[in-house]
Protein backbone atom coordinates (compact mmCIF):
# COMPACT_ATOMS: atom_id res chain seq x y z
CA MET A 1 64.51 217.95 179.57
CA VAL A 2 62.19 219.55 177.00
CA ARG A 3 61.38 223.25 177.41
CA ARG A 4 58.65 225.18 175.61
CA PRO A 5 57.32 228.76 175.94
CA TRP A 6 53.86 227.74 177.15
CA ARG A 7 51.88 228.57 180.26
CA ILE A 8 52.04 225.37 182.34
CA VAL A 9 55.11 223.48 183.51
CA LEU A 10 55.11 219.68 183.54
CA VAL A 11 58.09 217.45 184.36
CA LEU A 12 58.69 213.80 185.24
CA ALA A 13 60.91 212.59 188.08
CA ALA A 14 61.30 209.59 190.32
CA ALA A 15 61.45 211.23 193.77
CA VAL A 16 60.75 214.51 195.55
CA LEU A 17 61.80 215.74 199.01
CA VAL A 18 58.86 215.16 201.35
CA THR A 19 58.17 217.04 204.57
CA VAL A 20 54.53 217.98 205.30
CA GLY A 21 51.16 216.37 204.42
CA THR A 22 47.41 217.00 204.40
CA SER A 23 44.17 215.51 203.05
CA GLY A 24 40.66 216.52 202.09
CA CYS A 25 40.03 217.04 205.80
CA ALA A 26 41.85 220.39 205.36
CA ARG A 27 44.77 219.75 207.71
CA THR A 28 46.82 222.75 206.58
CA PRO A 29 49.84 224.60 207.99
CA ALA A 30 49.61 228.09 209.45
CA GLY A 31 51.40 231.17 208.17
CA VAL A 32 49.84 231.61 204.74
CA GLY A 33 51.50 234.38 202.80
CA ASN A 34 50.96 236.05 199.43
CA SER A 35 53.31 235.45 196.52
CA SER A 36 52.75 235.68 192.77
CA SER A 37 55.84 233.53 192.12
CA SER A 38 54.63 230.37 193.88
CA LEU A 39 54.99 227.03 192.11
CA LEU A 40 53.33 223.66 192.68
CA LEU A 41 55.37 220.53 192.04
CA VAL A 42 53.05 217.52 191.80
CA THR A 43 54.14 213.88 191.69
CA MET A 44 52.08 210.71 191.19
CA THR A 45 53.45 207.15 191.10
CA VAL A 46 51.64 203.93 190.17
CA ALA A 47 52.46 200.36 191.16
CA GLY A 48 53.01 199.34 187.54
CA THR A 49 53.87 201.59 184.61
CA ILE A 50 52.22 204.65 183.08
CA ASN A 51 50.08 203.32 180.20
CA PRO A 52 49.87 205.98 177.47
CA ASN A 53 46.45 204.64 176.45
CA TYR A 54 45.04 205.35 179.91
CA TYR A 55 44.03 208.73 181.36
CA TYR A 56 46.01 210.20 184.26
CA TYR A 57 44.36 213.30 185.74
CA VAL A 58 45.49 215.77 188.38
CA ILE A 59 42.52 217.99 189.18
CA PHE A 60 42.52 221.32 191.05
CA ASN A 61 39.86 223.31 192.87
CA ASN A 62 41.16 226.84 193.46
CA ALA A 63 38.02 228.34 195.00
CA ASP A 64 39.32 229.63 198.37
CA ASP A 65 37.64 226.75 200.22
CA ALA A 66 39.56 226.81 203.49
CA THR A 67 37.63 223.92 205.02
CA GLY A 68 37.97 221.59 202.05
CA ALA A 69 34.21 221.03 202.11
CA THR A 70 34.15 220.44 198.34
CA GLY A 71 36.69 219.24 195.84
CA PRO A 72 37.28 216.98 192.82
CA ASP A 73 35.70 213.53 193.12
CA PRO A 74 35.77 210.53 190.73
CA VAL A 75 32.56 209.67 188.87
CA ILE A 76 31.46 206.04 189.19
CA ALA A 77 28.02 205.79 187.56
CA PRO A 78 25.79 207.13 184.78
CA PRO A 79 25.06 209.77 183.65
CA TRP A 80 28.88 210.14 183.97
CA GLY A 81 29.06 213.92 183.50
CA ASN A 82 32.43 214.72 181.91
CA GLY A 83 33.48 211.09 182.32
CA PHE A 84 36.25 211.55 184.88
CA CYS A 85 35.41 213.91 187.75
CA ALA A 86 32.56 215.49 189.67
CA GLY A 87 32.29 217.73 192.72
CA ALA A 88 34.14 221.06 192.59
CA ALA A 89 37.08 221.78 190.25
CA THR A 90 38.63 224.68 188.37
CA GLN A 91 41.48 223.20 186.27
CA PHE A 92 43.11 219.87 185.49
CA MET A 93 46.17 218.31 183.91
CA LEU A 94 45.90 215.18 181.78
CA TYR A 95 48.51 212.73 180.55
CA ASN A 96 47.37 210.58 177.59
CA GLN A 97 49.06 209.73 174.31
CA ALA A 98 46.23 211.37 172.33
CA ASN A 99 47.43 214.76 173.55
CA PRO A 100 49.96 216.55 171.33
CA GLY A 101 53.68 216.53 171.97
CA ASP A 102 54.73 214.45 174.95
CA GLY A 103 51.14 213.63 175.96
CA TYR A 104 50.55 216.28 178.62
CA LEU A 105 47.89 218.98 178.31
CA GLY A 106 46.32 221.42 180.77
CA TYR A 107 42.71 222.59 180.81
CA ALA A 108 40.51 225.12 182.63
CA PHE A 109 36.88 224.32 183.39
CA THR A 110 34.34 226.87 182.15
CA PRO A 111 32.50 228.30 185.18
CA GLY A 112 28.79 227.60 185.36
CA THR A 113 28.87 224.49 183.14
CA ASN A 114 28.85 221.85 185.90
CA LEU A 115 32.33 220.72 184.77
CA GLN A 116 30.88 219.81 181.36
CA GLN A 117 32.95 222.33 179.38
CA TYR A 118 36.64 223.13 179.54
CA THR A 119 39.28 224.87 177.44
CA ALA A 120 42.81 223.72 176.72
CA ILE A 121 45.46 225.89 178.36
CA GLY A 122 48.38 224.30 176.52
CA PRO A 123 51.15 221.71 176.74
CA PRO A 124 53.90 221.96 179.35
CA VAL A 125 56.80 224.38 179.17
CA GLN A 126 59.06 221.58 180.39
CA ASP A 127 58.53 217.86 180.77
CA VAL A 128 60.07 214.41 180.56
CA PRO A 129 57.78 211.77 178.95
CA PRO A 130 56.98 208.76 181.20
CA ALA A 131 58.62 206.44 178.64
CA GLY A 132 57.67 203.22 180.38
CA GLY A 133 58.25 204.55 183.89
CA SER A 134 55.87 204.56 186.85
CA THR A 135 55.90 208.27 187.80
CA ILE A 136 54.56 211.51 186.38
CA GLN A 137 55.52 214.86 187.85
CA PHE A 138 54.66 218.40 186.83
CA GLU A 139 55.34 221.91 188.05
CA ILE A 140 52.61 224.55 187.77
CA PRO A 141 52.98 228.30 188.23
CA LEU A 142 50.29 229.17 190.77
CA SER A 143 49.24 232.13 188.60
CA GLU A 144 47.99 229.65 185.99
CA LEU A 145 45.38 228.39 188.48
CA ALA A 146 43.86 231.87 188.92
CA THR A 147 40.07 232.06 189.30
CA SER A 148 37.55 234.76 190.20
CA ALA A 149 37.79 233.59 193.80
CA MET A 150 41.60 233.45 193.76
CA PRO A 151 43.01 235.88 191.16
CA ALA A 152 46.66 235.80 190.11
CA GLY A 153 48.95 237.02 192.89
CA HIS A 154 46.76 235.68 195.70
CA THR A 155 47.41 232.49 197.67
CA GLY A 156 45.21 230.22 199.71
CA PRO A 157 43.81 226.69 199.97
CA ILE A 158 43.55 224.45 196.91
CA GLN A 159 41.92 221.03 196.73
CA ILE A 160 43.71 218.43 194.57
CA ASN A 161 42.76 214.94 193.47
CA MET A 162 44.57 212.42 191.28
CA ILE A 163 42.30 210.19 189.22
CA ASN A 164 43.58 207.42 186.94
CA THR A 165 41.17 205.58 184.65
CA ASP A 166 41.12 203.29 181.62
CA VAL A 167 38.09 204.93 179.95
CA VAL A 168 36.30 208.29 179.94
CA PRO A 169 32.63 207.61 179.12
CA VAL A 170 31.05 210.14 176.74
CA ASN A 171 27.66 208.42 176.49
CA PRO A 172 25.67 209.35 179.62
CA ASN A 173 23.79 206.05 179.39
CA SER A 174 26.85 203.84 179.07
CA THR A 175 26.90 200.82 181.39
CA ALA A 176 30.32 199.59 180.26
CA PRO A 177 32.79 198.92 183.09
CA LYS A 178 35.17 201.69 184.10
CA THR A 179 38.33 200.93 186.08
CA PHE A 180 39.90 203.68 188.19
CA ASP A 181 41.86 204.74 191.24
CA ALA A 182 41.82 208.09 193.04
CA LEU A 183 43.33 209.55 196.19
CA GLY A 184 42.03 207.84 199.30
CA ASN A 185 40.98 204.24 199.81
CA THR A 186 38.54 203.67 196.94
CA LEU A 187 37.51 200.15 198.00
CA PRO A 188 33.81 199.54 198.76
CA GLY A 189 32.93 200.24 202.37
CA SER A 190 36.03 202.33 203.09
CA GLY A 191 34.18 205.64 203.17
CA GLN A 192 37.20 207.31 201.53
CA LEU A 193 36.18 207.36 197.86
CA ASN A 194 36.24 211.17 197.77
CA ASP A 195 39.42 211.85 199.77
CA TYR A 196 41.05 214.69 197.85
CA VAL A 197 43.93 216.71 199.33
CA THR A 198 43.73 220.28 200.65
CA ILE A 199 46.96 222.28 200.54
CA GLN A 200 47.96 225.86 201.37
CA THR A 201 49.87 227.75 198.68
CA GLY A 202 51.17 230.74 200.61
CA THR A 203 54.01 229.03 202.44
CA ALA A 204 56.67 226.58 201.30
CA ALA A 205 55.77 223.02 202.27
CA THR A 206 55.47 219.50 200.88
CA TYR A 207 52.39 217.32 201.25
CA ASN A 208 52.72 213.61 200.51
CA ASN A 209 51.59 210.07 201.19
CA THR A 210 54.35 209.51 203.74
CA SER A 211 53.30 212.22 206.18
CA ASP A 212 49.59 211.80 205.35
CA PRO A 213 49.12 208.16 204.22
CA ILE A 214 45.65 208.39 202.70
CA GLU A 215 46.45 206.31 199.59
CA PRO A 216 46.86 202.52 200.02
CA GLU A 217 48.20 200.12 197.41
CA GLY A 218 45.79 197.66 195.80
CA ASP A 219 42.60 199.77 195.91
CA VAL A 220 41.81 199.91 192.17
CA VAL A 221 38.11 199.32 191.53
CA VAL A 222 35.90 198.56 188.53
CA THR A 223 32.35 199.88 188.16
CA ASN A 224 29.36 197.82 187.07
CA GLY A 225 27.84 200.76 185.18
CA SER A 226 24.92 201.25 187.57
CA GLY A 227 26.54 202.77 190.65
CA GLY A 228 28.21 199.69 192.14
CA TYR A 229 31.91 198.89 192.07
CA SER A 230 34.29 196.20 193.27
CA GLN A 231 38.01 195.65 193.77
CA THR A 232 40.11 194.64 190.78
CA ASN A 233 43.78 194.36 189.87
CA ASN A 234 45.37 196.92 187.56
CA PRO A 235 48.82 198.10 188.74
CA ASN A 236 49.05 200.62 185.88
CA LEU A 237 46.22 202.59 187.49
CA ASP A 238 47.06 201.87 191.14
CA ILE A 239 48.34 205.02 192.87
CA VAL A 240 51.02 204.11 195.41
CA GLY A 241 52.62 207.51 195.97
CA TRP A 242 51.74 211.19 195.66
CA SER A 243 53.39 214.48 196.55
CA VAL A 244 52.53 218.17 196.20
CA GLN A 245 55.39 220.59 196.91
CA VAL A 246 54.78 224.33 197.28
CA THR A 247 57.74 226.58 196.55
CA ASN A 248 57.84 230.39 196.82
């Protein structure tokens, strides 16, 4: 276990206790409290192995959206925006070998820039590199997700999506294929392409793909660069398990 005096905690593990689940439909438990010491433990597992050349995102929207009406969505066509997500988001975590240290780095989106600008928060205070494994897991102090809508010390709903991709287009006119998977069934015709998760942070609970099975295996897709996409096979991007645990 590596520990560093930085602002965001990231760790890797193979399994987490699972008890309660919810999706972008905002199925959330009652009894929200208020704690400045809350932590989020997030786990994502792929069918294959974590490829350090790929991009593994966990994206947060801490905007006090109780209904889950908006949240982080994958981008699938030009002009691509930031190359990985659209919709509503406030922060994200990225695993990629180009990042310093063990490959993890956290960022905060700059408000009012349509997710086009973001600032690095820093590497994790503790983590275990994937090292050929299939799972990434990180723990985030809730205070590090503070926004104007949800300042530090307040708790409430947060939307979360997990987006894995092989490329992050920077040219808005690029028509090169982009392969990705995100939470929900991303296959054409499923109607679940933008199926992020809504959680409550004020009470201890665990949300996962067992209690809320929104993420099927084998739903990786590849874009054609003009808005269309089709099923493909890439187990190193294929999300087969997810979990978000809230501890107080």
